[in-house]
Amino acid sequence: MKDLLILLDNRPGALAEMGEALGEAGVSVEGGGMWVVDGKGVAHFLFQDGAAARRALESAGIKVVDERDVVVQRLQTRDSRPVRKAHAPHGRGRRQHRGAIQ
């Protein structure tokens, strides 16, 4: 599983354009989210095939800033419903993105 850090324009339709590029390439999004940081759209999305996702996005003119391995681990809630948690693989450490994204 790969986590891609993606920069999008902070404008209506930018996220839809990302989805169209991925859909045309047959790449599924496994999870993620998007935020606005310093006026820019900053997204983290998870993909089974990070290389295919990166190719699809970059060919559509969408900037991929970083690609990281993640491990998805099933957890149990108190009422026994499964939940999923993604984190950095053991030994790789955790990185947080803070401040302006260039």
Protein backbone atom coordinates (compact mmCIF):
# COMPACT_ATOMS: atom_id res chain seq x y z
CA MET A 1 0.00 0.00 0.00
CA LYS A 2 1.31 3.45 -0.90
CA ASP A 3 0.40 6.88 0.48
CA LEU A 4 0.82 9.66 -2.09
CA LEU A 5 1.15 13.29 -1.04
CA ILE A 6 -0.58 15.23 -3.82
CA LEU A 7 -0.86 18.97 -4.42
CA LEU A 8 -4.08 20.20 -6.01
CA ASP A 9 -5.29 23.65 -6.94
CA ASN A 10 -7.61 25.13 -4.29
CA ARG A 11 -10.54 25.54 -6.69
CA PRO A 12 -13.82 23.83 -7.50
CA GLY A 13 -13.31 20.75 -9.67
CA ALA A 14 -9.67 20.04 -8.79
CA LEU A 15 -10.53 16.93 -6.75
CA ALA A 16 -12.91 15.74 -9.48
CA GLU A 17 -10.12 16.10 -12.07
CA MET A 18 -7.90 13.94 -9.88
CA GLY A 19 -10.64 11.31 -9.68
CA GLU A 20 -11.17 11.39 -13.44
CA ALA A 21 -7.45 10.90 -14.14
CA LEU A 22 -7.33 7.93 -11.77
CA GLY A 23 -10.56 6.45 -13.09
CA GLU A 24 -9.42 6.65 -16.71
CA ALA A 25 -6.27 4.76 -15.71
CA GLY A 26 -8.26 2.14 -13.78
CA VAL A 27 -6.65 3.09 -10.45
CA SER A 28 -8.75 2.80 -7.28
CA VAL A 29 -8.39 5.02 -4.22
CA GLU A 30 -8.26 2.94 -1.03
CA GLY A 31 -8.66 5.87 1.36
CA GLY A 32 -7.40 9.31 2.23
CA GLY A 33 -8.39 12.93 2.55
CA MET A 34 -7.69 16.48 1.48
CA TRP A 35 -7.10 19.76 3.29
CA VAL A 36 -6.27 23.34 2.42
CA VAL A 37 -2.87 24.44 3.77
CA ASP A 38 -1.58 27.95 3.07
CA GLY A 39 -4.12 28.31 0.27
CA LYS A 40 -3.10 25.08 -1.50
CA GLY A 41 -4.96 21.78 -1.75
CA VAL A 42 -2.92 19.12 0.06
CA ALA A 43 -4.10 15.53 -0.24
CA HIS A 44 -3.00 12.17 1.12
CA PHE A 45 -4.52 9.18 -0.65
CA LEU A 46 -3.78 5.46 -0.34
CA PHE A 47 -3.33 3.20 -3.38
CA GLN A 48 -2.52 -0.47 -3.86
CA ASP A 49 -0.45 0.46 -6.93
CA GLY A 50 1.31 3.71 -6.09
CA ALA A 51 3.33 3.73 -9.32
CA ALA A 52 0.20 3.51 -11.50
CA ALA A 53 -1.47 6.25 -9.45
CA ARG A 54 1.58 8.50 -9.75
CA ARG A 55 1.76 7.97 -13.54
CA ALA A 56 -1.95 8.73 -13.97
CA LEU A 57 -1.79 11.87 -11.84
CA GLU A 58 1.41 13.25 -13.31
CA SER A 59 0.23 12.62 -16.88
CA ALA A 60 -2.82 14.76 -16.01
CA GLY A 61 -0.55 17.57 -14.76
CA ILE A 62 -1.20 16.86 -11.07
CA LYS A 63 1.84 17.20 -8.82
CA VAL A 64 2.79 14.22 -6.63
CA VAL A 65 5.20 15.44 -3.94
CA ASP A 66 5.94 12.26 -2.00
CA GLU A 67 5.24 8.52 -1.96
CA ARG A 68 5.46 6.43 1.20
CA ASP A 69 4.90 2.82 2.13
CA VAL A 70 2.13 2.25 4.64
CA VAL A 71 0.82 -0.76 6.47
CA VAL A 72 -2.94 -1.14 6.84
CA GLN A 73 -3.87 -2.95 10.01
CA ARG A 74 -7.34 -4.14 11.02
CA LEU A 75 -8.33 -3.17 14.56
CA GLN A 76 -11.39 -4.03 16.61
CA THR A 77 -13.63 -1.48 18.30
CA ARG A 78 -15.22 -2.21 21.66
CA ASP A 79 -18.39 -3.39 19.93
CA SER A 80 -16.33 -5.77 17.69
CA ARG A 81 -16.72 -3.76 14.47
CA PRO A 82 -13.51 -3.83 12.40
CA VAL A 83 -11.72 -0.56 11.72
CA ARG A 84 -8.62 0.16 9.62
CA LYS A 85 -5.55 2.12 10.57
CA ALA A 86 -2.67 3.12 8.28
CA HIS A 87 0.82 3.86 9.58
CA ALA A 88 4.45 3.85 8.53
CA PRO A 89 6.05 0.38 8.35
CA HIS A 90 8.02 -0.73 11.40
CA GLY A 91 11.50 0.75 11.50
CA ARG A 92 10.79 3.53 9.01
CA GLY A 93 9.65 6.11 11.57
CA ARG A 94 6.76 8.52 11.24
CA ARG A 95 6.87 11.82 9.41
CA GLN A 96 4.44 14.66 9.73
CA HIS A 97 4.05 17.45 7.23
CA ARG A 98 3.84 20.84 8.92
CA GLY A 99 3.97 24.37 7.64
CA ALA A 100 3.96 25.47 4.02
CA ILE A 101 4.07 22.93 1.23
CA GLN A 102 6.22 24.07 -1.67
